[in-house]
């Protein structure tokens, strides 16, 4: 299934894709700021092997990502990687890069 926009990813795909077993020991607040026509702000809290997805901006995220909507769609559809987008300057990470890498394990990027 190809994801058409960021909202679809956060509201429909991510909740189904989340695997609690892969979240063992992860305690993170992940902020995503997506610019562009279909952009928006979402934050995801992963703690105690549970996921809580919210629209908006968190006061104190562990790690944040800034990306354009078209790049985000390529990322979640597997057309590019987080590393490739980061190195091309199309993905900006705020916070610890190691925390951002845990998002790959969880299937975000």
C-alpha atoms as a PDB file:
ATOM      1  CA  UNK A   1       0.000   0.000   0.000  1.00  0.00           C
ATOM      2  CA  UNK A   2       1.386   3.376  -0.996  1.00  0.00           C
ATOM      3  CA  UNK A   3       0.785   6.145   1.514  1.00  0.00           C
ATOM      4  CA  UNK A   4      -0.653   9.259  -0.116  1.00  0.00           C
ATOM      5  CA  UNK A   5      -0.073  11.906   2.583  1.00  0.00           C
ATOM      6  CA  UNK A   6       1.401  12.378   6.065  1.00  0.00           C
ATOM      7  CA  UNK A   7      -2.020  12.389   7.785  1.00  0.00           C
ATOM      8  CA  UNK A   8      -2.789   8.948   6.383  1.00  0.00           C
ATOM      9  CA  UNK A   9       0.524   7.671   7.744  1.00  0.00           C
ATOM     10  CA  UNK A  10      -0.024   8.973  11.283  1.00  0.00           C
ATOM     11  CA  UNK A  11      -3.739   8.171  11.555  1.00  0.00           C
ATOM     12  CA  UNK A  12      -3.999   4.830   9.761  1.00  0.00           C
ATOM     13  CA  UNK A  13      -0.668   3.251   8.913  1.00  0.00           C
ATOM     14  CA  UNK A  14       1.510   3.904  11.977  1.00  0.00           C
ATOM     15  CA  UNK A  15      -0.964   2.545  14.557  1.00  0.00           C
ATOM     16  CA  UNK A  16      -1.223  -0.716  12.575  1.00  0.00           C
ATOM     17  CA  UNK A  17       2.490  -0.889  11.803  1.00  0.00           C
ATOM     18  CA  UNK A  18       3.623  -0.385  15.407  1.00  0.00           C
ATOM     19  CA  UNK A  19       5.164  -3.531  16.899  1.00  0.00           C
ATOM     20  CA  UNK A  20       5.299  -3.340  20.722  1.00  0.00           C
ATOM     21  CA  UNK A  21       8.002  -6.029  20.861  1.00  0.00           C
ATOM     22  CA  UNK A  22      10.366  -3.790  18.889  1.00  0.00           C
ATOM     23  CA  UNK A  23       9.681  -0.958  21.357  1.00  0.00           C
ATOM     24  CA  UNK A  24      11.102  -2.861  24.333  1.00  0.00           C
ATOM     25  CA  UNK A  25      13.073  -0.397  26.480  1.00  0.00           C
ATOM     26  CA  UNK A  26      12.309   2.628  24.279  1.00  0.00           C
ATOM     27  CA  UNK A  27      11.087   5.791  25.980  1.00  0.00           C
ATOM     28  CA  UNK A  28      10.959   8.600  23.425  1.00  0.00           C
ATOM     29  CA  UNK A  29       8.908  11.580  22.321  1.00  0.00           C
ATOM     30  CA  UNK A  30       9.299  11.949  18.573  1.00  0.00           C
ATOM     31  CA  UNK A  31       8.245  15.280  17.021  1.00  0.00           C
ATOM     32  CA  UNK A  32       7.655  15.470  13.264  1.00  0.00           C
ATOM     33  CA  UNK A  33       7.229  18.853  11.582  1.00  0.00           C
ATOM     34  CA  UNK A  34       6.257  18.441   7.952  1.00  0.00           C
ATOM     35  CA  UNK A  35       6.131  21.480   5.674  1.00  0.00           C
ATOM     36  CA  UNK A  36       4.342  21.754   2.353  1.00  0.00           C
ATOM     37  CA  UNK A  37       0.738  21.618   1.154  1.00  0.00           C
ATOM     38  CA  UNK A  38       0.009  18.351   2.935  1.00  0.00           C
ATOM     39  CA  UNK A  39       2.230  19.023   5.914  1.00  0.00           C
ATOM     40  CA  UNK A  40       1.447  19.304   9.582  1.00  0.00           C
ATOM     41  CA  UNK A  41       2.872  18.646  13.020  1.00  0.00           C
ATOM     42  CA  UNK A  42       2.615  15.357  14.876  1.00  0.00           C
ATOM     43  CA  UNK A  43       4.282  13.916  17.929  1.00  0.00           C
ATOM     44  CA  UNK A  44       4.523  10.305  18.910  1.00  0.00           C
ATOM     45  CA  UNK A  45       5.165   9.069  22.433  1.00  0.00           C
ATOM     46  CA  UNK A  46       6.573   5.574  22.784  1.00  0.00           C
ATOM     47  CA  UNK A  47       6.845   4.287  26.331  1.00  0.00           C
ATOM     48  CA  UNK A  48       6.224   0.958  28.050  1.00  0.00           C
ATOM     49  CA  UNK A  49       5.811  -0.736  24.649  1.00  0.00           C
ATOM     50  CA  UNK A  50       2.835   1.490  23.810  1.00  0.00           C
ATOM     51  CA  UNK A  51       2.363   4.219  21.228  1.00  0.00           C
ATOM     52  CA  UNK A  52       0.427   7.463  21.554  1.00  0.00           C
ATOM     53  CA  UNK A  53       0.077   9.505  18.343  1.00  0.00           C
ATOM     54  CA  UNK A  54      -0.983  13.155  18.565  1.00  0.00           C
ATOM     55  CA  UNK A  55      -1.398  16.019  16.163  1.00  0.00           C
ATOM     56  CA  UNK A  56       0.396  19.187  17.267  1.00  0.00           C
ATOM     57  CA  UNK A  57       3.670  20.206  18.866  1.00  0.00           C
ATOM     58  CA  UNK A  58       5.067  18.661  22.059  1.00  0.00           C
ATOM     59  CA  UNK A  59       6.674  20.952  24.661  1.00  0.00           C
ATOM     60  CA  UNK A  60       9.786  18.819  25.181  1.00  0.00           C
ATOM     61  CA  UNK A  61      10.396  16.155  22.518  1.00  0.00           C
ATOM     62  CA  UNK A  62      13.354  13.784  22.776  1.00  0.00           C
ATOM     63  CA  UNK A  63      14.044  14.030  19.064  1.00  0.00           C
ATOM     64  CA  UNK A  64      12.570  16.143  16.294  1.00  0.00           C
ATOM     65  CA  UNK A  65      12.504  15.897  12.548  1.00  0.00           C
ATOM     66  CA  UNK A  66      11.832  18.624  10.008  1.00  0.00           C
ATOM     67  CA  UNK A  67      11.028  17.492   6.484  1.00  0.00           C
ATOM     68  CA  UNK A  68       8.936  18.483   3.452  1.00  0.00           C
ATOM     69  CA  UNK A  69       5.755  16.537   2.735  1.00  0.00           C
ATOM     70  CA  UNK A  70       7.045  15.063  -0.535  1.00  0.00           C
ATOM     71  CA  UNK A  71      10.225  13.802   1.145  1.00  0.00           C
ATOM     72  CA  UNK A  72       8.219  12.301   4.028  1.00  0.00           C
ATOM     73  CA  UNK A  73       6.023  10.397   1.572  1.00  0.00           C
ATOM     74  CA  UNK A  74       9.130   9.035  -0.169  1.00  0.00           C
ATOM     75  CA  UNK A  75      10.523   7.967   3.213  1.00  0.00           C
ATOM     76  CA  UNK A  76       7.450   6.120   4.435  1.00  0.00           C
ATOM     77  CA  UNK A  77       6.878   4.498   1.038  1.00  0.00           C
ATOM     78  CA  UNK A  78      10.466   3.216   0.915  1.00  0.00           C
ATOM     79  CA  UNK A  79      11.472   5.352  -2.082  1.00  0.00           C
ATOM     80  CA  UNK A  80      14.368   6.846  -0.113  1.00  0.00           C
ATOM     81  CA  UNK A  81      16.028   6.273   3.250  1.00  0.00           C
ATOM     82  CA  UNK A  82      16.352   8.518   6.270  1.00  0.00           C
ATOM     83  CA  UNK A  83      20.111   8.480   5.865  1.00  0.00           C
ATOM     84  CA  UNK A  84      19.910   9.532   2.211  1.00  0.00           C
ATOM     85  CA  UNK A  85      17.429  12.328   2.960  1.00  0.00           C
ATOM     86  CA  UNK A  86      19.541  13.519   5.907  1.00  0.00           C
ATOM     87  CA  UNK A  87      22.760  13.609   3.873  1.00  0.00           C
ATOM     88  CA  UNK A  88      20.976  15.470   1.051  1.00  0.00           C
ATOM     89  CA  UNK A  89      19.800  18.107   3.549  1.00  0.00           C
ATOM     90  CA  UNK A  90      16.139  17.162   3.053  1.00  0.00           C
ATOM     91  CA  UNK A  91      15.714  15.819   6.592  1.00  0.00           C
ATOM     92  CA  UNK A  92      16.807  17.787   9.637  1.00  0.00           C
ATOM     93  CA  UNK A  93      17.159  16.125  13.023  1.00  0.00           C
ATOM     94  CA  UNK A  94      17.019  17.926  16.357  1.00  0.00           C
ATOM     95  CA  UNK A  95      18.256  16.036  19.379  1.00  0.00           C
ATOM     96  CA  UNK A  96      20.379  12.917  19.584  1.00  0.00           C
ATOM     97  CA  UNK A  97      20.956  11.177  16.266  1.00  0.00           C
ATOM     98  CA  UNK A  98      21.063   7.868  18.174  1.00  0.00           C
ATOM     99  CA  UNK A  99      17.463   8.462  19.285  1.00  0.00           C
ATOM    100  CA  UNK A 100      16.498   9.163  15.694  1.00  0.00           C
ATOM    101  CA  UNK A 101      18.053   5.852  14.659  1.00  0.00           C
ATOM    102  CA  UNK A 102      15.726   3.990  17.034  1.00  0.00           C
ATOM    103  CA  UNK A 103      12.870   5.252  14.853  1.00  0.00           C
ATOM    104  CA  UNK A 104      14.192   3.148  11.995  1.00  0.00           C
ATOM    105  CA  UNK A 105      13.935   0.029  14.168  1.00  0.00           C
ATOM    106  CA  UNK A 106      10.328   0.952  14.920  1.00  0.00           C
ATOM    107  CA  UNK A 107       9.499   1.315  11.233  1.00  0.00           C
ATOM    108  CA  UNK A 108       9.093   5.093  11.056  1.00  0.00           C
ATOM    109  CA  UNK A 109      11.908   5.733   8.603  1.00  0.00           C
END
